[in-house]
Amino acid sequence: MDRRRQLDRYSRTLLSEAVAEGAIRPVGVRIAPNHFLGAVNWVLRWYSEGDERSAG
């Protein structure tokens, strides 16, 4: 849980800084990291090595 909290704080900080610099449009820095990390975690379920299906 401690590592998870650290990652959460870090991702919120990165997003806040990116918004402040104008690098990205304003986003909800409390919810956006959860969506992003959730999508990244699902890649392992979506991708299967040797799968003949293509992305296109």
C-alpha atoms as a PDB file:
ATOM      1  CA  MET A   1       0.000   0.000   0.000  1.00  0.00           C
ATOM      2  CA  ASP A   2       2.882   2.349   0.716  1.00  0.00           C
ATOM      3  CA  ARG A   3       4.313   1.902  -2.786  1.00  0.00           C
ATOM      4  CA  ARG A   4       0.864   2.464  -4.265  1.00  0.00           C
ATOM      5  CA  ARG A   5       0.508   5.738  -2.368  1.00  0.00           C
ATOM      6  CA  GLN A   6       3.922   6.863  -3.589  1.00  0.00           C
ATOM      7  CA  LEU A   7       2.993   6.098  -7.184  1.00  0.00           C
ATOM      8  CA  ASP A   8      -0.306   7.944  -6.761  1.00  0.00           C
ATOM      9  CA  ARG A   9       1.407  11.052  -5.370  1.00  0.00           C
ATOM     10  CA  TYR A  10       4.054  10.941  -8.079  1.00  0.00           C
ATOM     11  CA  SER A  11       1.544  10.629 -10.920  1.00  0.00           C
ATOM     12  CA  ARG A  12      -0.585  13.462  -9.494  1.00  0.00           C
ATOM     13  CA  THR A  13       2.495  15.659  -9.251  1.00  0.00           C
ATOM     14  CA  LEU A  14       3.486  14.910 -12.850  1.00  0.00           C
ATOM     15  CA  LEU A  15       0.013  15.722 -14.122  1.00  0.00           C
ATOM     16  CA  SER A  16      -0.233  18.904 -12.058  1.00  0.00           C
ATOM     17  CA  GLU A  17       3.108  20.117 -13.404  1.00  0.00           C
ATOM     18  CA  ALA A  18       2.175  19.261 -16.994  1.00  0.00           C
ATOM     19  CA  VAL A  19      -1.093  21.197 -16.662  1.00  0.00           C
ATOM     20  CA  ALA A  20       0.692  24.170 -15.074  1.00  0.00           C
ATOM     21  CA  GLU A  21       3.248  24.233 -17.921  1.00  0.00           C
ATOM     22  CA  GLY A  22       0.504  24.042 -20.533  1.00  0.00           C
ATOM     23  CA  ALA A  23       1.826  20.741 -21.870  1.00  0.00           C
ATOM     24  CA  ILE A  24      -1.610  19.128 -21.463  1.00  0.00           C
ATOM     25  CA  ARG A  25      -5.090  20.490 -21.048  1.00  0.00           C
ATOM     26  CA  PRO A  26      -6.523  20.667 -17.520  1.00  0.00           C
ATOM     27  CA  VAL A  27      -7.517  17.245 -16.227  1.00  0.00           C
ATOM     28  CA  GLY A  28      -8.734  15.900 -12.923  1.00  0.00           C
ATOM     29  CA  VAL A  29      -5.432  15.059 -11.252  1.00  0.00           C
ATOM     30  CA  ARG A  30      -7.188  12.826  -8.734  1.00  0.00           C
ATOM     31  CA  ILE A  31      -8.962  10.602 -11.259  1.00  0.00           C
ATOM     32  CA  ALA A  32      -6.798  10.752 -14.416  1.00  0.00           C
ATOM     33  CA  PRO A  33      -3.904   8.694 -12.962  1.00  0.00           C
ATOM     34  CA  ASN A  34      -6.336   5.915 -12.035  1.00  0.00           C
ATOM     35  CA  HIS A  35      -7.693   5.776 -15.569  1.00  0.00           C
ATOM     36  CA  PHE A  36      -4.224   5.790 -17.079  1.00  0.00           C
ATOM     37  CA  LEU A  37      -2.790   3.131 -14.767  1.00  0.00           C
ATOM     38  CA  GLY A  38      -5.901   1.002 -15.212  1.00  0.00           C
ATOM     39  CA  ALA A  39      -5.491   1.112 -18.984  1.00  0.00           C
ATOM     40  CA  VAL A  40      -1.803   0.217 -18.708  1.00  0.00           C
ATOM     41  CA  ASN A  41      -2.617  -2.747 -16.476  1.00  0.00           C
ATOM     42  CA  TRP A  42      -5.155  -4.043 -19.012  1.00  0.00           C
ATOM     43  CA  VAL A  43      -2.546  -4.176 -21.791  1.00  0.00           C
ATOM     44  CA  LEU A  44      -1.375  -7.489 -20.374  1.00  0.00           C
ATOM     45  CA  ARG A  45      -4.879  -8.889 -20.827  1.00  0.00           C
ATOM     46  CA  TRP A  46      -5.320  -7.440 -24.318  1.00  0.00           C
ATOM     47  CA  TYR A  47      -1.951  -8.520 -25.678  1.00  0.00           C
ATOM     48  CA  SER A  48      -1.068 -12.116 -26.241  1.00  0.00           C
ATOM     49  CA  GLU A  49       2.257 -12.984 -27.851  1.00  0.00           C
ATOM     50  CA  GLY A  50       1.766 -15.003 -30.979  1.00  0.00           C
ATOM     51  CA  ASP A  51      -1.816 -13.792 -31.388  1.00  0.00           C
ATOM     52  CA  GLU A  52      -2.544 -13.540 -35.113  1.00  0.00           C
ATOM     53  CA  ARG A  53      -4.949 -10.645 -34.748  1.00  0.00           C
ATOM     54  CA  SER A  54      -3.586  -7.255 -35.678  1.00  0.00           C
ATOM     55  CA  ALA A  55      -4.345  -3.809 -34.356  1.00  0.00           C
ATOM     56  CA  GLY A  56      -5.342  -2.531 -37.784  1.00  0.00           C
END
